[in-house]
Amino acid sequence: MAGGHGEGINYKGLTMHKPKRWHVVTGKGLCAVMWFWVLYRAKQDGPVVLGWRHPWEGHGDHGHEGGH
């Protein structure tokens, strides 16, 4: 098993070490990207997912000048 390098918190024989600074910063950055993506997709697809409108509604009539 791994040796006792540095200090950490022991819990039932498992030593949890503090994460390095770059792990914390990278994790927070990726978390922010994830939430921006989730909120962007909710803005785009929210009404369809919640059943407030159909997916084919709201695209406009681009090029449908016939009698549809």
C-alpha atoms as a PDB file:
ATOM      1  CA  MET A   1       0.000   0.000   0.000  1.00  0.00           C
ATOM      2  CA  ALA A   2       0.982   3.627  -0.233  1.00  0.00           C
ATOM      3  CA  GLY A   3       3.250   5.142   2.339  1.00  0.00           C
ATOM      4  CA  GLY A   4       2.359   8.018   4.642  1.00  0.00           C
ATOM      5  CA  HIS A   5       3.504  10.965   2.511  1.00  0.00           C
ATOM      6  CA  GLY A   6       2.487  14.276   4.006  1.00  0.00           C
ATOM      7  CA  GLU A   7      -0.426  15.023   6.234  1.00  0.00           C
ATOM      8  CA  GLY A   8      -4.045  14.218   5.666  1.00  0.00           C
ATOM      9  CA  ILE A   9      -7.269  13.245   7.361  1.00  0.00           C
ATOM     10  CA  ASN A  10      -7.604   9.624   8.464  1.00  0.00           C
ATOM     11  CA  TYR A  11     -10.990   7.928   8.297  1.00  0.00           C
ATOM     12  CA  LYS A  12     -11.309   4.203   9.010  1.00  0.00           C
ATOM     13  CA  GLY A  13      -7.775   3.524   7.801  1.00  0.00           C
ATOM     14  CA  LEU A  14      -8.049   5.678   4.653  1.00  0.00           C
ATOM     15  CA  THR A  15      -5.902   8.801   4.470  1.00  0.00           C
ATOM     16  CA  MET A  16      -7.425  11.670   2.476  1.00  0.00           C
ATOM     17  CA  HIS A  17      -4.813  14.192   1.338  1.00  0.00           C
ATOM     18  CA  LYS A  18      -5.548  17.800   0.443  1.00  0.00           C
ATOM     19  CA  PRO A  19      -5.864  18.340  -3.330  1.00  0.00           C
ATOM     20  CA  LYS A  20      -3.249  20.400  -5.120  1.00  0.00           C
ATOM     21  CA  ARG A  21      -4.127  23.940  -6.148  1.00  0.00           C
ATOM     22  CA  TRP A  22      -4.336  23.114  -9.864  1.00  0.00           C
ATOM     23  CA  HIS A  23      -6.794  20.275  -9.148  1.00  0.00           C
ATOM     24  CA  VAL A  24      -9.099  22.690  -7.325  1.00  0.00           C
ATOM     25  CA  VAL A  25      -8.863  25.397 -10.010  1.00  0.00           C
ATOM     26  CA  THR A  26      -9.361  22.925 -12.873  1.00  0.00           C
ATOM     27  CA  GLY A  27     -12.322  21.323 -11.119  1.00  0.00           C
ATOM     28  CA  LYS A  28     -14.021  24.675 -10.545  1.00  0.00           C
ATOM     29  CA  GLY A  29     -13.369  25.728 -14.141  1.00  0.00           C
ATOM     30  CA  LEU A  30     -14.829  22.525 -15.569  1.00  0.00           C
ATOM     31  CA  CYS A  31     -17.798  22.842 -13.213  1.00  0.00           C
ATOM     32  CA  ALA A  32     -18.455  26.369 -14.526  1.00  0.00           C
ATOM     33  CA  VAL A  33     -18.259  25.149 -18.148  1.00  0.00           C
ATOM     34  CA  MET A  34     -20.703  22.351 -17.336  1.00  0.00           C
ATOM     35  CA  TRP A  35     -23.248  24.719 -15.771  1.00  0.00           C
ATOM     36  CA  PHE A  36     -22.952  27.230 -18.640  1.00  0.00           C
ATOM     37  CA  TRP A  37     -23.643  24.374 -21.064  1.00  0.00           C
ATOM     38  CA  VAL A  38     -26.591  23.050 -19.033  1.00  0.00           C
ATOM     39  CA  LEU A  39     -28.172  26.499 -18.770  1.00  0.00           C
ATOM     40  CA  TYR A  40     -27.569  27.217 -22.465  1.00  0.00           C
ATOM     41  CA  ARG A  41     -29.244  23.953 -23.484  1.00  0.00           C
ATOM     42  CA  ALA A  42     -32.098  24.605 -21.037  1.00  0.00           C
ATOM     43  CA  LYS A  43     -32.651  27.974 -22.700  1.00  0.00           C
ATOM     44  CA  GLN A  44     -32.649  26.377 -26.165  1.00  0.00           C
ATOM     45  CA  ASP A  45     -34.578  23.150 -25.460  1.00  0.00           C
ATOM     46  CA  GLY A  46     -36.418  23.839 -22.202  1.00  0.00           C
ATOM     47  CA  PRO A  47     -39.899  24.487 -23.594  1.00  0.00           C
ATOM     48  CA  VAL A  48     -39.724  21.341 -25.749  1.00  0.00           C
ATOM     49  CA  VAL A  49     -38.501  19.162 -22.877  1.00  0.00           C
ATOM     50  CA  LEU A  50     -41.201  20.507 -20.562  1.00  0.00           C
ATOM     51  CA  GLY A  51     -43.874  19.979 -23.221  1.00  0.00           C
ATOM     52  CA  TRP A  52     -44.742  23.660 -23.638  1.00  0.00           C
ATOM     53  CA  ARG A  53     -44.206  23.520 -27.413  1.00  0.00           C
ATOM     54  CA  HIS A  54     -43.506  20.983 -30.124  1.00  0.00           C
ATOM     55  CA  PRO A  55     -39.978  20.649 -31.574  1.00  0.00           C
ATOM     56  CA  TRP A  56     -41.157  21.630 -35.059  1.00  0.00           C
ATOM     57  CA  GLU A  57     -42.777  24.879 -33.892  1.00  0.00           C
ATOM     58  CA  GLY A  58     -40.961  28.187 -33.853  1.00  0.00           C
ATOM     59  CA  HIS A  59     -38.605  27.649 -36.773  1.00  0.00           C
ATOM     60  CA  GLY A  60     -40.295  30.232 -38.966  1.00  0.00           C
ATOM     61  CA  ASP A  61     -41.491  29.747 -42.536  1.00  0.00           C
ATOM     62  CA  HIS A  62     -38.195  29.784 -44.403  1.00  0.00           C
ATOM     63  CA  GLY A  63     -38.910  28.979 -48.034  1.00  0.00           C
ATOM     64  CA  HIS A  64     -42.431  27.594 -47.538  1.00  0.00           C
ATOM     65  CA  GLU A  65     -44.352  29.962 -49.734  1.00  0.00           C
ATOM     66  CA  GLY A  66     -46.707  27.284 -50.988  1.00  0.00           C
ATOM     67  CA  GLY A  67     -50.070  26.648 -49.436  1.00  0.00           C
ATOM     68  CA  HIS A  68     -48.955  24.735 -46.321  1.00  0.00           C
END
